[in-house]
């Protein structure tokens, strides 16, 4: 069992984060989950979730017989992931808003999500950012470059079409699969180039 942290922010594409957490849990991993306030709004707007009872939604959508899920609020700086001494095999922010990206790029550590990303960078561990914005301005691009130069990986929410997707799930699974590849987690979410 590996340990991963997933942050879901208020950028469009919350379904990517949901699918990633579900895949990690179904593979038997431990997941520390954080959702920003805007992320909860996107759950409501894009996925139709009733977010009035957040604990119930977490239980409903992330219940797993294999993996272990720990949900943390953004003010929970006592969470183990806030410390570099805690063994964490990788962190993904999916989708990542430009505001969160900026906080990470500038080392703000203004909440638990940003702090954990900072820990991943300072410890030389895997940090994967899945930005979701278009078009991108120079500030966005410079912040992505800063994170990359600090050791993070940028995996834009750009699905490929060589696997001939037929459904929305095919597009979602492709991106989530690419993220899992960055984490070194085995999956069969899409057909790889040359395997058709």
Protein backbone atom coordinates (compact mmCIF):
# COMPACT_ATOMS: atom_id res chain seq x y z
CA UNK A 1 0.00 0.00 0.00
CA UNK A 2 1.32 3.40 -1.00
CA UNK A 3 0.30 6.75 0.44
CA UNK A 4 -0.93 9.54 -1.81
CA UNK A 5 -2.40 12.99 -1.28
CA UNK A 6 -5.04 14.41 -3.61
CA UNK A 7 -6.16 18.03 -3.66
CA UNK A 8 -9.28 19.09 -5.56
CA UNK A 9 -9.69 22.82 -6.17
CA UNK A 10 -12.35 25.03 -7.71
CA UNK A 11 -11.22 24.73 -11.31
CA UNK A 12 -13.63 23.07 -13.72
CA UNK A 13 -13.12 19.32 -13.99
CA UNK A 14 -13.81 18.03 -10.46
CA UNK A 15 -14.70 14.69 -12.02
CA UNK A 16 -10.99 14.15 -12.74
CA UNK A 17 -10.17 14.39 -9.04
CA UNK A 18 -13.07 12.16 -8.05
CA UNK A 19 -12.04 9.47 -10.54
CA UNK A 20 -8.40 9.63 -9.43
CA UNK A 21 -9.30 9.14 -5.77
CA UNK A 22 -11.61 6.25 -6.65
CA UNK A 23 -8.89 4.57 -8.73
CA UNK A 24 -6.24 4.95 -6.01
CA UNK A 25 -8.58 3.55 -3.37
CA UNK A 26 -9.72 0.65 -5.57
CA UNK A 27 -6.03 -0.21 -6.07
CA UNK A 28 -5.65 -0.51 -2.30
CA UNK A 29 -3.74 2.69 -1.55
CA UNK A 30 -4.10 5.15 1.31
CA UNK A 31 -5.36 8.57 0.19
CA UNK A 32 -5.28 11.87 2.05
CA UNK A 33 -7.94 14.07 0.44
CA UNK A 34 -8.36 17.85 0.59
CA UNK A 35 -11.06 19.88 -1.18
CA UNK A 36 -11.08 23.68 -1.33
CA UNK A 37 -14.28 25.66 -0.71
CA UNK A 38 -14.48 26.41 -4.42
CA UNK A 39 -13.93 22.69 -5.06
CA UNK A 40 -17.07 21.91 -3.06
CA UNK A 41 -18.95 24.46 -5.17
CA UNK A 42 -17.79 22.72 -8.35
CA UNK A 43 -18.98 19.37 -6.94
CA UNK A 44 -22.40 20.96 -6.62
CA UNK A 45 -22.43 22.74 -9.99
CA UNK A 46 -20.76 20.16 -12.23
CA UNK A 47 -21.58 16.87 -10.54
CA UNK A 48 -24.93 17.75 -8.97
CA UNK A 49 -23.84 16.74 -5.47
CA UNK A 50 -25.77 17.94 -2.43
CA UNK A 51 -22.84 19.36 -0.47
CA UNK A 52 -24.80 20.35 2.63
CA UNK A 53 -23.45 17.21 4.37
CA UNK A 54 -19.86 16.94 3.24
CA UNK A 55 -18.99 13.89 5.32
CA UNK A 56 -21.91 12.02 3.78
CA UNK A 57 -20.75 12.90 0.26
CA UNK A 58 -17.23 11.73 1.05
CA UNK A 59 -18.60 8.44 2.35
CA UNK A 60 -20.98 8.03 -0.59
CA UNK A 61 -18.52 8.68 -3.41
CA UNK A 62 -15.24 7.42 -1.97
CA UNK A 63 -16.22 4.38 0.07
CA UNK A 64 -13.75 1.57 -0.66
CA UNK A 65 -13.29 -1.99 0.48
CA UNK A 66 -9.56 -1.86 -0.33
CA UNK A 67 -7.96 1.54 0.27
CA UNK A 68 -8.03 3.90 3.22
CA UNK A 69 -9.30 7.46 2.91
CA UNK A 70 -8.48 10.34 5.24
CA UNK A 71 -10.28 13.61 4.58
CA UNK A 72 -8.69 16.83 5.88
CA UNK A 73 -10.02 20.35 6.01
CA UNK A 74 -7.74 23.08 4.69
CA UNK A 75 -7.12 24.44 8.21
CA UNK A 76 -6.00 21.09 9.63
CA UNK A 77 -2.28 21.82 9.91
CA UNK A 78 -1.99 18.93 12.38
CA UNK A 79 -2.59 16.50 9.51
CA UNK A 80 0.40 14.19 8.98
CA UNK A 81 0.83 15.35 5.36
CA UNK A 82 1.81 18.83 6.62
CA UNK A 83 5.18 17.44 7.74
CA UNK A 84 8.12 16.25 5.70
CA UNK A 85 8.72 13.48 8.25
CA UNK A 86 5.50 11.78 7.09
CA UNK A 87 6.11 9.28 4.30
CA UNK A 88 4.04 10.40 1.32
CA UNK A 89 4.57 8.71 -2.05
CA UNK A 90 3.07 11.46 -4.18
CA UNK A 91 0.62 14.34 -4.37
CA UNK A 92 -1.74 15.34 -7.16
CA UNK A 93 -3.75 18.55 -7.39
CA UNK A 94 -6.49 17.73 -9.86
CA UNK A 95 -7.91 19.96 -11.14
CA UNK A 96 -5.67 22.82 -10.06
CA UNK A 97 -6.94 26.38 -10.15
CA UNK A 98 -4.62 29.20 -11.10
CA UNK A 99 -5.00 30.63 -7.60
CA UNK A 100 -3.76 27.42 -5.99
CA UNK A 101 -1.00 27.14 -8.58
CA UNK A 102 0.13 30.66 -7.67
CA UNK A 103 0.18 29.83 -3.96
CA UNK A 104 2.34 26.77 -4.62
CA UNK A 105 4.67 28.53 -7.06
CA UNK A 106 5.35 31.26 -4.51
CA UNK A 107 5.63 29.03 -1.44
CA UNK A 108 2.68 30.68 0.30
CA UNK A 109 1.56 27.62 2.33
CA UNK A 110 -1.65 29.51 3.08
CA UNK A 111 -3.65 26.34 3.70
CA UNK A 112 -3.03 22.60 4.16
CA UNK A 113 -3.16 21.90 0.43
CA UNK A 114 -0.49 24.50 -0.37
CA UNK A 115 1.58 23.45 2.64
CA UNK A 116 1.52 19.79 1.59
CA UNK A 117 2.58 20.72 -1.95
CA UNK A 118 5.43 22.75 -0.47
CA UNK A 119 6.47 19.73 1.60
CA UNK A 120 6.50 17.53 -1.50
CA UNK A 121 8.78 19.96 -3.32
CA UNK A 122 11.17 20.52 -0.42
CA UNK A 123 11.47 16.77 0.19
CA UNK A 124 11.98 16.00 -3.51
CA UNK A 125 8.83 13.88 -3.72
CA UNK A 126 6.36 13.56 -6.58
CA UNK A 127 4.05 16.54 -7.06
CA UNK A 128 1.72 16.49 -10.05
CA UNK A 129 -0.31 19.56 -10.97
CA UNK A 130 -3.27 19.22 -13.37
CA UNK A 131 -4.05 22.81 -14.37
CA UNK A 132 -7.48 23.57 -15.82
CA UNK A 133 -7.74 27.00 -17.38
CA UNK A 134 -7.93 28.44 -20.88
CA UNK A 135 -6.52 30.57 -22.31
CA UNK A 136 -3.37 30.79 -20.23
CA UNK A 137 -1.76 34.15 -19.58
CA UNK A 138 1.91 34.81 -18.93
CA UNK A 139 1.48 34.69 -15.14
CA UNK A 140 -0.10 31.21 -15.36
CA UNK A 141 2.72 29.96 -17.61
CA UNK A 142 5.43 31.46 -15.39
CA UNK A 143 3.89 29.83 -12.31
CA UNK A 144 3.84 26.46 -14.07
CA UNK A 145 7.50 26.95 -14.98
CA UNK A 146 8.36 27.80 -11.35
CA UNK A 147 6.69 24.62 -10.10
CA UNK A 148 8.43 22.55 -12.79
CA UNK A 149 11.83 24.05 -11.96
CA UNK A 150 11.19 23.22 -8.29
CA UNK A 151 10.61 19.55 -9.19
CA UNK A 152 6.88 19.32 -9.87
CA UNK A 153 5.21 17.87 -12.96
CA UNK A 154 2.56 19.64 -15.00
CA UNK A 155 -0.04 17.36 -16.61
CA UNK A 156 -2.53 19.63 -18.39
CA UNK A 157 -6.12 18.45 -18.67
CA UNK A 158 -5.67 17.57 -22.34
CA UNK A 159 -7.11 14.22 -23.43
CA UNK A 160 -5.68 12.42 -26.46
CA UNK A 161 -7.76 10.88 -29.21
CA UNK A 162 -5.54 8.10 -30.56
CA UNK A 163 -7.40 5.60 -28.34
CA UNK A 164 -10.60 6.54 -30.23
CA UNK A 165 -12.73 7.63 -27.25
CA UNK A 166 -16.41 6.86 -27.49
CA UNK A 167 -17.67 8.26 -24.19
CA UNK A 168 -16.93 11.03 -21.72
CA UNK A 169 -15.56 8.33 -19.39
CA UNK A 170 -12.97 7.44 -22.02
CA UNK A 171 -11.69 11.03 -22.01
CA UNK A 172 -11.70 11.24 -18.20
CA UNK A 173 -9.96 7.88 -17.84
CA UNK A 174 -7.22 8.88 -20.27
CA UNK A 175 -6.23 11.91 -18.23
CA UNK A 176 -6.49 10.09 -14.90
CA UNK A 177 -4.41 7.27 -16.39
CA UNK A 178 -1.70 9.73 -17.41
CA UNK A 179 -1.62 11.02 -13.83
CA UNK A 180 -1.37 7.48 -12.45
CA UNK A 181 1.56 6.90 -14.83
CA UNK A 182 3.35 9.84 -13.18
CA UNK A 183 2.77 8.24 -9.77
CA UNK A 184 3.97 4.83 -10.94
CA UNK A 185 0.58 3.25 -10.23
CA UNK A 186 -0.49 0.42 -12.54
CA UNK A 187 -3.82 0.86 -14.32
CA UNK A 188 -5.75 -0.21 -17.38
CA UNK A 189 -7.78 2.95 -17.91
CA UNK A 190 -6.86 3.45 -21.56
CA UNK A 191 -5.30 1.66 -24.51
CA UNK A 192 -1.70 2.70 -24.93
CA UNK A 193 -0.21 3.79 -28.26
CA UNK A 194 0.88 0.70 -30.14
CA UNK A 195 -1.43 -1.62 -28.16
CA UNK A 196 -4.46 -1.13 -30.45
